[in-house]
Amino acid sequence: MAIVRINAADIDRAKILEEVAALQPVSEEQIEAWAAEDGDAWTDEDFARARVVYPPPSAEEVRALRERLSLSQKQFADRFGFRVETIQQYEQGRRAPSGPATTLLRVIAADPEAVQRALMGR
C-alpha cells in the first residue's frame, strides 16, 4: 500500500462531512458479526481478564516532571524518597522505573503535594 501525503489545504472538508453524514448507523449486531469474522478480535471475556499496564515514564518525562516542579535531582530525590543515583539513571535512560516507581512518578505528576503530605504523615 502506498503512502499518500497531502496538505490540510488539499482536504475537501465539506465533502468529507457530507460523506460522514451519509453513513448509516452501525448496529451492535453488525459490530458483533464483524468481530466474529476477525480472528484477532477480543471477546467480552478477554476484556474481563485483561489488566491495565502502565508503561514507565520515559527519561524525558521524568526530567520534565522534575523540572516542572523546579527541583534539582537531589531535591526531587530527597522530597519523594528516591536515591539521587536512581533519578540520574532514569533521566539518562540507563534505567527505567519499575512498577511501584512508575506508579509513584505518576502520582507525583498528578498531585505532588498529596505525595508530600502522605510521606510526612499528614
PDB file of N, CA and C in Angstrom:
ATOM      1  N   MET A   1       0.845  -1.169   0.000  1.00  0.00           N
ATOM      2  CA  MET A   1       0.000   0.000   0.000  1.00  0.00           C
ATOM      3  C   MET A   1       0.894   1.237   0.000  1.00  0.00           C
ATOM      4  N   ALA A   2       0.636   2.143  -0.872  1.00  0.00           N
ATOM      5  CA  ALA A   2       1.424   3.366  -0.992  1.00  0.00           C
ATOM      6  C   ALA A   2       1.004   4.374   0.068  1.00  0.00           C
ATOM      7  N   ILE A   3       1.952   5.137   0.522  1.00  0.00           N
ATOM      8  CA  ILE A   3       1.671   6.207   1.468  1.00  0.00           C
ATOM      9  C   ILE A   3       1.430   7.475   0.667  1.00  0.00           C
ATOM     10  N   VAL A   4       0.310   8.109   0.930  1.00  0.00           N
ATOM     11  CA  VAL A   4      -0.045   9.334   0.231  1.00  0.00           C
ATOM     12  C   VAL A   4       0.008  10.473   1.236  1.00  0.00           C
ATOM     13  N   ARG A   5       0.758  11.486   0.907  1.00  0.00           N
ATOM     14  CA  ARG A   5       0.869  12.648   1.793  1.00  0.00           C
ATOM     15  C   ARG A   5       0.111  13.813   1.152  1.00  0.00           C
ATOM     16  N   ILE A   6      -0.734  14.448   1.983  1.00  0.00           N
ATOM     17  CA  ILE A   6      -1.459  15.611   1.496  1.00  0.00           C
ATOM     18  C   ILE A   6      -1.362  16.719   2.532  1.00  0.00           C
ATOM     19  N   ASN A   7      -1.586  17.907   2.089  1.00  0.00           N
ATOM     20  CA  ASN A   7      -1.608  19.062   2.982  1.00  0.00           C
ATOM     21  C   ASN A   7      -3.039  19.316   3.429  1.00  0.00           C
ATOM     22  N   ALA A   8      -3.176  20.010   4.555  1.00  0.00           N
ATOM     23  CA  ALA A   8      -4.509  20.345   5.052  1.00  0.00           C
ATOM     24  C   ALA A   8      -5.307  21.125   4.012  1.00  0.00           C
ATOM     25  N   ALA A   9      -4.620  21.932   3.225  1.00  0.00           N
ATOM     26  CA  ALA A   9      -5.304  22.732   2.202  1.00  0.00           C
ATOM     27  C   ALA A   9      -5.902  21.851   1.108  1.00  0.00           C
ATOM     28  N   ASP A  10      -5.373  20.639   0.934  1.00  0.00           N
ATOM     29  CA  ASP A  10      -5.852  19.731  -0.107  1.00  0.00           C
ATOM     30  C   ASP A  10      -7.088  18.940   0.314  1.00  0.00           C
ATOM     31  N   ILE A  11      -7.477  19.046   1.568  1.00  0.00           N
ATOM     32  CA  ILE A  11      -8.608  18.265   2.075  1.00  0.00           C
ATOM     33  C   ILE A  11      -9.907  19.029   1.825  1.00  0.00           C
ATOM     34  N   ASP A  12     -10.854  18.335   1.204  1.00  0.00           N
ATOM     35  CA  ASP A  12     -12.169  18.927   0.958  1.00  0.00           C
ATOM     36  C   ASP A  12     -13.047  18.619   2.170  1.00  0.00           C
ATOM     37  N   ARG A  13     -13.012  19.502   3.140  1.00  0.00           N
ATOM     38  CA  ARG A  13     -13.712  19.294   4.410  1.00  0.00           C
ATOM     39  C   ARG A  13     -15.215  19.113   4.217  1.00  0.00           C
ATOM     40  N   ALA A  14     -15.811  19.919   3.373  1.00  0.00           N
ATOM     41  CA  ALA A  14     -17.256  19.833   3.138  1.00  0.00           C
ATOM     42  C   ALA A  14     -17.628  18.457   2.575  1.00  0.00           C
ATOM     43  N   LYS A  15     -16.826  17.949   1.661  1.00  0.00           N
ATOM     44  CA  LYS A  15     -17.107  16.642   1.062  1.00  0.00           C
ATOM     45  C   LYS A  15     -16.998  15.536   2.107  1.00  0.00           C
ATOM     46  N   ILE A  16     -15.976  15.609   2.951  1.00  0.00           N
ATOM     47  CA  ILE A  16     -15.800  14.592   3.994  1.00  0.00           C
ATOM     48  C   ILE A  16     -16.972  14.622   4.962  1.00  0.00           C
ATOM     49  N   LEU A  17     -17.379  15.807   5.392  1.00  0.00           N
ATOM     50  CA  LEU A  17     -18.515  15.914   6.306  1.00  0.00           C
ATOM     51  C   LEU A  17     -19.797  15.382   5.671  1.00  0.00           C
ATOM     52  N   GLU A  18     -19.966  15.630   4.393  1.00  0.00           N
ATOM     53  CA  GLU A  18     -21.134  15.123   3.676  1.00  0.00           C
ATOM     54  C   GLU A  18     -21.121  13.596   3.641  1.00  0.00           C
ATOM     55  N   GLU A  19     -19.959  13.009   3.363  1.00  0.00           N
ATOM     56  CA  GLU A  19     -19.834  11.547   3.316  1.00  0.00           C
ATOM     57  C   GLU A  19     -20.094  10.927   4.686  1.00  0.00           C
ATOM     58  N   VAL A  20     -19.583  11.545   5.730  1.00  0.00           N
ATOM     59  CA  VAL A  20     -19.788  11.023   7.081  1.00  0.00           C
ATOM     60  C   VAL A  20     -21.267  11.106   7.446  1.00  0.00           C
ATOM     61  N   ALA A  21     -21.923  12.202   7.087  1.00  0.00           N
ATOM     62  CA  ALA A  21     -23.345  12.367   7.396  1.00  0.00           C
ATOM     63  C   ALA A  21     -24.195  11.328   6.668  1.00  0.00           C
ATOM     64  N   ALA A  22     -23.732  10.877   5.508  1.00  0.00           N
ATOM     65  CA  ALA A  22     -24.489   9.913   4.719  1.00  0.00           C
ATOM     66  C   ALA A  22     -24.318   8.477   5.212  1.00  0.00           C
ATOM     67  N   LEU A  23     -23.351   8.233   6.085  1.00  0.00           N
ATOM     68  CA  LEU A  23     -23.124   6.883   6.594  1.00  0.00           C
ATOM     69  C   LEU A  23     -24.313   6.416   7.421  1.00  0.00           C
ATOM     70  N   GLN A  24     -24.633   5.143   7.260  1.00  0.00           N
ATOM     71  CA  GLN A  24     -25.711   4.554   8.040  1.00  0.00           C
ATOM     72  C   GLN A  24     -25.172   4.148   9.405  1.00  0.00           C
ATOM     73  N   PRO A  25     -25.960   4.310  10.453  1.00  0.00           N
ATOM     74  CA  PRO A  25     -25.512   3.870  11.774  1.00  0.00           C
ATOM     75  C   PRO A  25     -25.269   2.355  11.779  1.00  0.00           C
ATOM     76  N   VAL A  26     -24.303   1.946  12.558  1.00  0.00           N
ATOM     77  CA  VAL A  26     -23.961   0.522  12.650  1.00  0.00           C
ATOM     78  C   VAL A  26     -24.617  -0.048  13.895  1.00  0.00           C
ATOM     79  N   SER A  27     -25.242  -1.201  13.750  1.00  0.00           N
ATOM     80  CA  SER A  27     -25.915  -1.835  14.886  1.00  0.00           C
ATOM     81  C   SER A  27     -24.917  -2.653  15.695  1.00  0.00           C
ATOM     82  N   GLU A  28     -25.318  -2.959  16.923  1.00  0.00           N
ATOM     83  CA  GLU A  28     -24.488  -3.822  17.776  1.00  0.00           C
ATOM     84  C   GLU A  28     -24.326  -5.193  17.122  1.00  0.00           C
ATOM     85  N   GLU A  29     -25.373  -5.667  16.459  1.00  0.00           N
ATOM     86  CA  GLU A  29     -25.309  -6.969  15.794  1.00  0.00           C
ATOM     87  C   GLU A  29     -24.255  -6.968  14.684  1.00  0.00           C
ATOM     88  N   GLN A  30     -24.196  -5.862  13.925  1.00  0.00           N
ATOM     89  CA  GLN A  30     -23.209  -5.764  12.852  1.00  0.00           C
ATOM     90  C   GLN A  30     -21.794  -5.727  13.429  1.00  0.00           C
ATOM     91  N   ILE A  31     -21.624  -5.003  14.514  1.00  0.00           N
ATOM     92  CA  ILE A  31     -20.310  -4.950  15.159  1.00  0.00           C
ATOM     93  C   ILE A  31     -19.912  -6.335  15.640  1.00  0.00           C
ATOM     94  N   GLU A  32     -20.853  -7.056  16.260  1.00  0.00           N
ATOM     95  CA  GLU A  32     -20.578  -8.415  16.727  1.00  0.00           C
ATOM     96  C   GLU A  32     -20.226  -9.335  15.555  1.00  0.00           C
ATOM     97  N   ALA A  33     -20.910  -9.180  14.424  1.00  0.00           N
ATOM     98  CA  ALA A  33     -20.615 -10.006  13.250  1.00  0.00           C
ATOM     99  C   ALA A  33     -19.221  -9.712  12.720  1.00  0.00           C
ATOM    100  N   TRP A  34     -18.868  -8.452  12.651  1.00  0.00           N
ATOM    101  CA  TRP A  34     -17.521  -8.090  12.190  1.00  0.00           C
ATOM    102  C   TRP A  34     -16.459  -8.650  13.125  1.00  0.00           C
ATOM    103  N   ALA A  35     -16.726  -8.557  14.432  1.00  0.00           N
ATOM    104  CA  ALA A  35     -15.770  -9.075  15.415  1.00  0.00           C
ATOM    105  C   ALA A  35     -15.619 -10.585  15.269  1.00  0.00           C
ATOM    106  N   ALA A  36     -16.731 -11.290  15.013  1.00  0.00           N
ATOM    107  CA  ALA A  36     -16.667 -12.737  14.851  1.00  0.00           C
ATOM    108  C   ALA A  36     -15.844 -13.122  13.631  1.00  0.00           C
ATOM    109  N   GLU A  37     -15.879 -12.293  12.589  1.00  0.00           N
ATOM    110  CA  GLU A  37     -15.091 -12.559  11.383  1.00  0.00           C
ATOM    111  C   GLU A  37     -13.600 -12.301  11.604  1.00  0.00           C
ATOM    112  N   ASP A  38     -13.286 -11.483  12.587  1.00  0.00           N
ATOM    113  CA  ASP A  38     -11.902 -11.114  12.860  1.00  0.00           C
ATOM    114  C   ASP A  38     -11.345 -12.055  13.914  1.00  0.00           C
ATOM    115  N   GLY A  39     -10.456 -12.928  13.514  1.00  0.00           N
ATOM    116  CA  GLY A  39      -9.882 -13.909  14.429  1.00  0.00           C
ATOM    117  C   GLY A  39      -9.097 -13.296  15.571  1.00  0.00           C
ATOM    118  N   ASP A  40      -8.640 -12.059  15.416  1.00  0.00           N
ATOM    119  CA  ASP A  40      -7.871 -11.401  16.472  1.00  0.00           C
ATOM    120  C   ASP A  40      -8.733 -10.538  17.381  1.00  0.00           C
ATOM    121  N   ALA A  41     -10.037 -10.509  17.140  1.00  0.00           N
ATOM    122  CA  ALA A  41     -10.906  -9.656  17.941  1.00  0.00           C
ATOM    123  C   ALA A  41     -11.007 -10.189  19.364  1.00  0.00           C
ATOM    124  N   TRP A  42     -11.089  -9.281  20.316  1.00  0.00           N
ATOM    125  CA  TRP A  42     -11.226  -9.669  21.712  1.00  0.00           C
ATOM    126  C   TRP A  42     -12.691  -9.925  22.036  1.00  0.00           C
ATOM    127  N   THR A  43     -12.916 -10.927  22.834  1.00  0.00           N
ATOM    128  CA  THR A  43     -14.270 -11.215  23.316  1.00  0.00           C
ATOM    129  C   THR A  43     -14.485 -10.437  24.616  1.00  0.00           C
ATOM    130  N   ASP A  44     -15.720 -10.428  25.092  1.00  0.00           N
ATOM    131  CA  ASP A  44     -16.010  -9.795  26.375  1.00  0.00           C
ATOM    132  C   ASP A  44     -15.211 -10.455  27.490  1.00  0.00           C
ATOM    133  N   GLU A  45     -15.023 -11.770  27.383  1.00  0.00           N
ATOM    134  CA  GLU A  45     -14.246 -12.498  28.387  1.00  0.00           C
ATOM    135  C   GLU A  45     -12.775 -12.072  28.354  1.00  0.00           C
ATOM    136  N   ASP A  46     -12.244 -11.842  27.136  1.00  0.00           N
ATOM    137  CA  ASP A  46     -10.863 -11.362  27.021  1.00  0.00           C
ATOM    138  C   ASP A  46     -10.706 -10.022  27.731  1.00  0.00           C
ATOM    139  N   PHE A  47     -11.669  -9.132  27.506  1.00  0.00           N
ATOM    140  CA  PHE A  47     -11.612  -7.826  28.153  1.00  0.00           C
ATOM    141  C   PHE A  47     -11.721  -7.954  29.669  1.00  0.00           C
ATOM    142  N   ALA A  48     -12.560  -8.879  30.135  1.00  0.00           N
ATOM    143  CA  ALA A  48     -12.740  -9.060  31.576  1.00  0.00           C
ATOM    144  C   ALA A  48     -11.456  -9.564  32.230  1.00  0.00           C
ATOM    145  N   ARG A  49     -10.693 -10.391  31.512  1.00  0.00           N
ATOM    146  CA  ARG A  49      -9.445 -10.936  32.063  1.00  0.00           C
ATOM    147  C   ARG A  49      -8.251 -10.003  31.885  1.00  0.00           C
ATOM    148  N   ALA A  50      -8.376  -9.025  31.017  1.00  0.00           N
ATOM    149  CA  ALA A  50      -7.255  -8.126  30.728  1.00  0.00           C
ATOM    150  C   ALA A  50      -6.953  -7.253  31.937  1.00  0.00           C
ATOM    151  N   ARG A  51      -5.708  -6.863  32.040  1.00  0.00           N
ATOM    152  CA  ARG A  51      -5.341  -5.931  33.097  1.00  0.00           C
ATOM    153  C   ARG A  51      -4.617  -4.753  32.471  1.00  0.00           C
ATOM    154  N   VAL A  52      -4.785  -3.617  33.079  1.00  0.00           N
ATOM    155  CA  VAL A  52      -4.178  -2.397  32.570  1.00  0.00           C
ATOM    156  C   VAL A  52      -2.689  -2.426  32.890  1.00  0.00           C
ATOM    157  N   VAL A  53      -1.882  -2.086  31.914  1.00  0.00           N
ATOM    158  CA  VAL A  53      -0.438  -1.998  32.116  1.00  0.00           C
ATOM    159  C   VAL A  53      -0.034  -0.552  31.862  1.00  0.00           C
ATOM    160  N   TYR A  54       0.583   0.040  32.853  1.00  0.00           N
ATOM    161  CA  TYR A  54       1.025   1.420  32.727  1.00  0.00           C
ATOM    162  C   TYR A  54       2.500   1.422  32.365  1.00  0.00           C
ATOM    163  N   PRO A  55       2.844   1.887  31.176  1.00  0.00           N
ATOM    164  CA  PRO A  55       4.255   1.896  30.797  1.00  0.00           C
ATOM    165  C   PRO A  55       5.020   2.889  31.656  1.00  0.00           C
ATOM    166  N   PRO A  56       6.289   2.598  31.916  1.00  0.00           N
ATOM    167  CA  PRO A  56       7.068   3.539  32.719  1.00  0.00           C
ATOM    168  C   PRO A  56       7.282   4.839  31.964  1.00  0.00           C
ATOM    169  N   PRO A  57       7.430   5.935  32.695  1.00  0.00           N
ATOM    170  CA  PRO A  57       7.699   7.197  32.013  1.00  0.00           C
ATOM    171  C   PRO A  57       9.067   7.156  31.353  1.00  0.00           C
ATOM    172  N   SER A  58       9.200   7.864  30.270  1.00  0.00           N
ATOM    173  CA  SER A  58      10.481   7.929  29.562  1.00  0.00           C
ATOM    174  C   SER A  58      11.443   8.813  30.335  1.00  0.00           C
ATOM    175  N   ALA A  59      12.707   8.769  29.936  1.00  0.00           N
ATOM    176  CA  ALA A  59      13.719   9.626  30.553  1.00  0.00           C
ATOM    177  C   ALA A  59      13.305  11.092  30.440  1.00  0.00           C
ATOM    178  N   GLU A  60      12.781  11.464  29.277  1.00  0.00           N
ATOM    179  CA  GLU A  60      12.359  12.850  29.062  1.00  0.00           C
ATOM    180  C   GLU A  60      11.195  13.224  29.972  1.00  0.00           C
ATOM    181  N   GLU A  61      10.280  12.296  30.193  1.00  0.00           N
ATOM    182  CA  GLU A  61       9.131  12.583  31.059  1.00  0.00           C
ATOM    183  C   GLU A  61       9.558  12.748  32.518  1.00  0.00           C
ATOM    184  N   VAL A  62      10.510  11.921  32.967  1.00  0.00           N
ATOM    185  CA  VAL A  62      10.999  12.059  34.347  1.00  0.00           C
ATOM    186  C   VAL A  62      11.681  13.410  34.509  1.00  0.00           C
ATOM    187  N   ARG A  63      12.537  13.762  33.565  1.00  0.00           N
ATOM    188  CA  ARG A  63      13.234  15.050  33.627  1.00  0.00           C
ATOM    189  C   ARG A  63      12.230  16.206  33.590  1.00  0.00           C
ATOM    190  N   ALA A  64      11.252  16.123  32.703  1.00  0.00           N
ATOM    191  CA  ALA A  64      10.254  17.194  32.579  1.00  0.00           C
ATOM    192  C   ALA A  64       9.451  17.344  33.868  1.00  0.00           C
ATOM    193  N   LEU A  65       9.121  16.233  34.512  1.00  0.00           N
ATOM    194  CA  LEU A  65       8.385  16.294  35.775  1.00  0.00           C
ATOM    195  C   LEU A  65       9.215  17.019  36.828  1.00  0.00           C
ATOM    196  N   ARG A  66      10.465  16.620  36.951  1.00  0.00           N
ATOM    197  CA  ARG A  66      11.336  17.251  37.937  1.00  0.00           C
ATOM    198  C   ARG A  66      11.490  18.747  37.655  1.00  0.00           C
ATOM    199  N   GLU A  67      11.704  19.078  36.392  1.00  0.00           N
ATOM    200  CA  GLU A  67      11.872  20.482  36.021  1.00  0.00           C
ATOM    201  C   GLU A  67      10.581  21.278  36.225  1.00  0.00           C
ATOM    202  N   ARG A  68       9.424  20.660  35.964  1.00  0.00           N
ATOM    203  CA  ARG A  68       8.144  21.334  36.188  1.00  0.00           C
ATOM    204  C   ARG A  68       7.983  21.718  37.649  1.00  0.00           C
ATOM    205  N   LEU A  69       8.547  20.895  38.539  1.00  0.00           N
ATOM    206  CA  LEU A  69       8.474  21.168  39.964  1.00  0.00           C
ATOM    207  C   LEU A  69       9.611  22.077  40.432  1.00  0.00           C
ATOM    208  N   SER A  70      10.470  22.478  39.489  1.00  0.00           N
ATOM    209  CA  SER A  70      11.610  23.369  39.773  1.00  0.00           C
ATOM    210  C   SER A  70      12.517  22.803  40.862  1.00  0.00           C
ATOM    211  N   LEU A  71      12.815  21.507  40.748  1.00  0.00           N
ATOM    212  CA  LEU A  71      13.666  20.843  41.727  1.00  0.00           C
ATOM    213  C   LEU A  71      14.924  20.313  41.060  1.00  0.00           C
ATOM    214  N   SER A  72      16.027  20.337  41.797  1.00  0.00           N
ATOM    215  CA  SER A  72      17.244  19.671  41.318  1.00  0.00           C
ATOM    216  C   SER A  72      17.034  18.162  41.472  1.00  0.00           C
ATOM    217  N   GLN A  73      17.912  17.400  40.912  1.00  0.00           N
ATOM    218  CA  GLN A  73      17.798  15.946  41.059  1.00  0.00           C
ATOM    219  C   GLN A  73      17.851  15.558  42.530  1.00  0.00           C
ATOM    220  N   LYS A  74      18.747  16.176  43.291  1.00  0.00           N
ATOM    221  CA  LYS A  74      18.869  15.865  44.716  1.00  0.00           C
ATOM    222  C   LYS A  74      17.611  16.266  45.470  1.00  0.00           C
ATOM    223  N   GLN A  75      17.074  17.456  45.187  1.00  0.00           N
ATOM    224  CA  GLN A  75      15.856  17.898  45.868  1.00  0.00           C
ATOM    225  C   GLN A  75      14.688  16.969  45.560  1.00  0.00           C
ATOM    226  N   PHE A  76      14.553  16.578  44.290  1.00  0.00           N
ATOM    227  CA  PHE A  76      13.472  15.674  43.887  1.00  0.00           C
ATOM    228  C   PHE A  76      13.612  14.339  44.613  1.00  0.00           C
ATOM    229  N   ALA A  77      14.829  13.797  44.610  1.00  0.00           N
ATOM    230  CA  ALA A  77      15.082  12.506  45.264  1.00  0.00           C
ATOM    231  C   ALA A  77      14.769  12.589  46.751  1.00  0.00           C
ATOM    232  N   ASP A  78      15.269  13.619  47.406  1.00  0.00           N
ATOM    233  CA  ASP A  78      15.036  13.767  48.844  1.00  0.00           C
ATOM    234  C   ASP A  78      13.551  13.944  49.163  1.00  0.00           C
ATOM    235  N   ARG A  79      12.866  14.750  48.357  1.00  0.00           N
ATOM    236  CA  ARG A  79      11.461  15.067  48.640  1.00  0.00           C
ATOM    237  C   ARG A  79      10.552  13.850  48.470  1.00  0.00           C
ATOM    238  N   PHE A  80      10.872  12.988  47.487  1.00  0.00           N
ATOM    239  CA  PHE A  80       9.943  11.902  47.179  1.00  0.00           C
ATOM    240  C   PHE A  80      10.490  10.503  47.467  1.00  0.00           C
ATOM    241  N   GLY A  81      11.618  10.415  48.166  1.00  0.00           N
ATOM    242  CA  GLY A  81      12.093   9.115  48.639  1.00  0.00           C
ATOM    243  C   GLY A  81      12.884   8.294  47.640  1.00  0.00           C
ATOM    244  N   PHE A  82      13.496   8.931  46.662  1.00  0.00           N
ATOM    245  CA  PHE A  82      14.351   8.232  45.706  1.00  0.00           C
ATOM    246  C   PHE A  82      15.811   8.445  46.093  1.00  0.00           C
ATOM    247  N   ARG A  83      16.676   7.640  45.550  1.00  0.00           N
ATOM    248  CA  ARG A  83      18.109   7.917  45.633  1.00  0.00           C
ATOM    249  C   ARG A  83      18.458   8.832  44.459  1.00  0.00           C
ATOM    250  N   VAL A  84      19.399   9.748  44.661  1.00  0.00           N
ATOM    251  CA  VAL A  84      19.808  10.669  43.597  1.00  0.00           C
ATOM    252  C   VAL A  84      20.290   9.872  42.391  1.00  0.00           C
ATOM    253  N   GLU A  85      21.053   8.808  42.634  1.00  0.00           N
ATOM    254  CA  GLU A  85      21.583   7.986  41.534  1.00  0.00           C
ATOM    255  C   GLU A  85      20.448   7.382  40.708  1.00  0.00           C
ATOM    256  N   THR A  86      19.361   7.029  41.363  1.00  0.00           N
ATOM    257  CA  THR A  86      18.211   6.452  40.658  1.00  0.00           C
ATOM    258  C   THR A  86      17.599   7.485  39.719  1.00  0.00           C
ATOM    259  N   ILE A  87      17.393   8.706  40.211  1.00  0.00           N
ATOM    260  CA  ILE A  87      16.830   9.765  39.373  1.00  0.00           C
ATOM    261  C   ILE A  87      17.763  10.044  38.201  1.00  0.00           C
ATOM    262  N   GLN A  88      19.053  10.078  38.457  1.00  0.00           N
ATOM    263  CA  GLN A  88      20.024  10.307  37.376  1.00  0.00           C
ATOM    264  C   GLN A  88      19.919   9.217  36.316  1.00  0.00           C
ATOM    265  N   GLN A  89      19.823   7.964  36.762  1.00  0.00           N
ATOM    266  CA  GLN A  89      19.716   6.855  35.806  1.00  0.00           C
ATOM    267  C   GLN A  89      18.412   6.923  35.018  1.00  0.00           C
ATOM    268  N   TYR A  90      17.315   7.282  35.672  1.00  0.00           N
ATOM    269  CA  TYR A  90      16.046   7.428  34.961  1.00  0.00           C
ATOM    270  C   TYR A  90      16.166   8.508  33.893  1.00  0.00           C
ATOM    271  N   GLU A  91      16.713   9.653  34.276  1.00  0.00           N
ATOM    272  CA  GLU A  91      16.783  10.779  33.355  1.00  0.00           C
ATOM    273  C   GLU A  91      17.773  10.553  32.217  1.00  0.00           C
ATOM    274  N   GLN A  92      18.766   9.735  32.431  1.00  0.00           N
ATOM    275  CA  GLN A  92      19.739   9.444  31.378  1.00  0.00           C
ATOM    276  C   GLN A  92      19.324   8.238  30.544  1.00  0.00           C
ATOM    277  N   GLY A  93      18.203   7.619  30.892  1.00  0.00           N
ATOM    278  CA  GLY A  93      17.705   6.490  30.124  1.00  0.00           C
ATOM    279  C   GLY A  93      18.481   5.207  30.346  1.00  0.00           C
ATOM    280  N   ARG A  94      19.320   5.152  31.365  1.00  0.00           N
ATOM    281  CA  ARG A  94      20.087   3.937  31.644  1.00  0.00           C
ATOM    282  C   ARG A  94      19.270   2.927  32.430  1.00  0.00           C
ATOM    283  N   ARG A  95      18.166   3.396  32.989  1.00  0.00           N
ATOM    284  CA  ARG A  95      17.301   2.529  33.780  1.00  0.00           C
ATOM    285  C   ARG A  95      15.882   3.069  33.668  1.00  0.00           C
ATOM    286  N   ALA A  96      14.923   2.156  33.638  1.00  0.00           N
ATOM    287  CA  ALA A  96      13.514   2.563  33.583  1.00  0.00           C
ATOM    288  C   ALA A  96      12.883   2.315  34.950  1.00  0.00           C
ATOM    289  N   PRO A  97      11.969   3.173  35.364  1.00  0.00           N
ATOM    290  CA  PRO A  97      11.295   2.950  36.649  1.00  0.00           C
ATOM    291  C   PRO A  97      10.552   1.618  36.649  1.00  0.00           C
ATOM    292  N   SER A  98      10.586   0.930  37.797  1.00  0.00           N
ATOM    293  CA  SER A  98       9.863  -0.329  37.951  1.00  0.00           C
ATOM    294  C   SER A  98       8.384  -0.023  38.193  1.00  0.00           C
ATOM    295  N   GLY A  99       7.582  -1.061  38.388  1.00  0.00           N
ATOM    296  CA  GLY A  99       6.145  -0.881  38.616  1.00  0.00           C
ATOM    297  C   GLY A  99       5.810   0.105  39.713  1.00  0.00           C
ATOM    298  N   PRO A 100       6.288  -0.107  40.957  1.00  0.00           N
ATOM    299  CA  PRO A 100       5.962   0.838  42.029  1.00  0.00           C
ATOM    300  C   PRO A 100       6.529   2.232  41.781  1.00  0.00           C
ATOM    301  N   ALA A 101       7.733   2.316  41.232  1.00  0.00           N
ATOM    302  CA  ALA A 101       8.322   3.635  40.947  1.00  0.00           C
ATOM    303  C   ALA A 101       7.527   4.339  39.854  1.00  0.00           C
ATOM    304  N   THR A 102       7.064   3.587  38.865  1.00  0.00           N
ATOM    305  CA  THR A 102       6.226   4.168  37.817  1.00  0.00           C
ATOM    306  C   THR A 102       4.953   4.748  38.432  1.00  0.00           C
ATOM    307  N   THR A 103       4.346   3.995  39.328  1.00  0.00           N
ATOM    308  CA  THR A 103       3.133   4.465  39.992  1.00  0.00           C
ATOM    309  C   THR A 103       3.414   5.723  40.801  1.00  0.00           C
ATOM    310  N   LEU A 104       4.493   5.711  41.568  1.00  0.00           N
ATOM    311  CA  LEU A 104       4.830   6.887  42.374  1.00  0.00           C
ATOM    312  C   LEU A 104       5.070   8.102  41.489  1.00  0.00           C
ATOM    313  N   LEU A 105       5.792   7.930  40.384  1.00  0.00           N
ATOM    314  CA  LEU A 105       6.045   9.058  39.487  1.00  0.00           C
ATOM    315  C   LEU A 105       4.750   9.586  38.877  1.00  0.00           C
ATOM    316  N   ARG A 106       3.810   8.694  38.565  1.00  0.00           N
ATOM    317  CA  ARG A 106       2.523   9.129  38.026  1.00  0.00           C
ATOM    318  C   ARG A 106       1.733   9.931  39.068  1.00  0.00           C
ATOM    319  N   VAL A 107       1.782   9.480  40.310  1.00  0.00           N
ATOM    320  CA  VAL A 107       1.064  10.196  41.363  1.00  0.00           C
ATOM    321  C   VAL A 107       1.732  11.539  41.631  1.00  0.00           C
ATOM    322  N   ILE A 108       3.056  11.564  41.624  1.00  0.00           N
ATOM    323  CA  ILE A 108       3.764  12.837  41.792  1.00  0.00           C
ATOM    324  C   ILE A 108       3.362  13.798  40.681  1.00  0.00           C
ATOM    325  N   ALA A 109       3.295  13.298  39.463  1.00  0.00           N
ATOM    326  CA  ALA A 109       2.918  14.157  38.331  1.00  0.00           C
ATOM    327  C   ALA A 109       1.506  14.709  38.506  1.00  0.00           C
ATOM    328  N   ALA A 110       0.604  13.900  39.062  1.00  0.00           N
ATOM    329  CA  ALA A 110      -0.783  14.329  39.216  1.00  0.00           C
ATOM    330  C   ALA A 110      -0.982  15.248  40.409  1.00  0.00           C
ATOM    331  N   ASP A 111      -0.296  14.962  41.518  1.00  0.00           N
ATOM    332  CA  ASP A 111      -0.526  15.746  42.728  1.00  0.00           C
ATOM    333  C   ASP A 111       0.683  15.645  43.653  1.00  0.00           C
ATOM    334  N   PRO A 112       1.729  16.404  43.365  1.00  0.00           N
ATOM    335  CA  PRO A 112       2.949  16.303  44.183  1.00  0.00           C
ATOM    336  C   PRO A 112       2.729  16.651  45.654  1.00  0.00           C
ATOM    337  N   GLU A 113       1.824  17.576  45.917  1.00  0.00           N
ATOM    338  CA  GLU A 113       1.571  17.956  47.303  1.00  0.00           C
ATOM    339  C   GLU A 113       0.953  16.807  48.092  1.00  0.00           C
ATOM    340  N   ALA A 114       0.086  16.024  47.447  1.00  0.00           N
ATOM    341  CA  ALA A 114      -0.526  14.877  48.127  1.00  0.00           C
ATOM    342  C   ALA A 114       0.539  13.857  48.499  1.00  0.00           C
ATOM    343  N   VAL A 115       1.507  13.650  47.612  1.00  0.00           N
ATOM    344  CA  VAL A 115       2.585  12.701  47.913  1.00  0.00           C
ATOM    345  C   VAL A 115       3.394  13.223  49.085  1.00  0.00           C
ATOM    346  N   GLN A 116       3.700  14.507  49.087  1.00  0.00           N
ATOM    347  CA  GLN A 116       4.462  15.088  50.192  1.00  0.00           C
ATOM    348  C   GLN A 116       3.697  14.950  51.523  1.00  0.00           C
ATOM    349  N   ARG A 117       2.379  15.209  51.480  1.00  0.00           N
ATOM    350  CA  ARG A 117       1.579  15.071  52.704  1.00  0.00           C
ATOM    351  C   ARG A 117       1.604  13.630  53.180  1.00  0.00           C
ATOM    352  N   ALA A 118       1.469  12.695  52.266  1.00  0.00           N
ATOM    353  CA  ALA A 118       1.455  11.272  52.646  1.00  0.00           C
ATOM    354  C   ALA A 118       2.798  10.856  53.233  1.00  0.00           C
ATOM    355  N   LEU A 119       3.875  11.338  52.644  1.00  0.00           N
ATOM    356  CA  LEU A 119       5.192  10.976  53.146  1.00  0.00           C
ATOM    357  C   LEU A 119       5.495  11.629  54.492  1.00  0.00           C
ATOM    358  N   MET A 120       4.900  12.772  54.744  1.00  0.00           N
ATOM    359  CA  MET A 120       5.112  13.477  56.016  1.00  0.00           C
ATOM    360  C   MET A 120       4.152  12.964  57.093  1.00  0.00           C
ATOM    361  N   GLY A 121       3.224  12.077  56.732  1.00  0.00           N
ATOM    362  CA  GLY A 121       2.295  11.533  57.706  1.00  0.00           C
ATOM    363  C   GLY A 121       1.164  12.459  58.081  1.00  0.00           C
ATOM    364  N   ARG A 122       0.839  13.403  57.169  1.00  0.00           N
ATOM    365  CA  ARG A 122      -0.264  14.342  57.446  1.00  0.00           C
ATOM    366  C   ARG A 122      -1.463  14.012  56.650  1.00  0.00           C
TER     367      ARG A 122
END
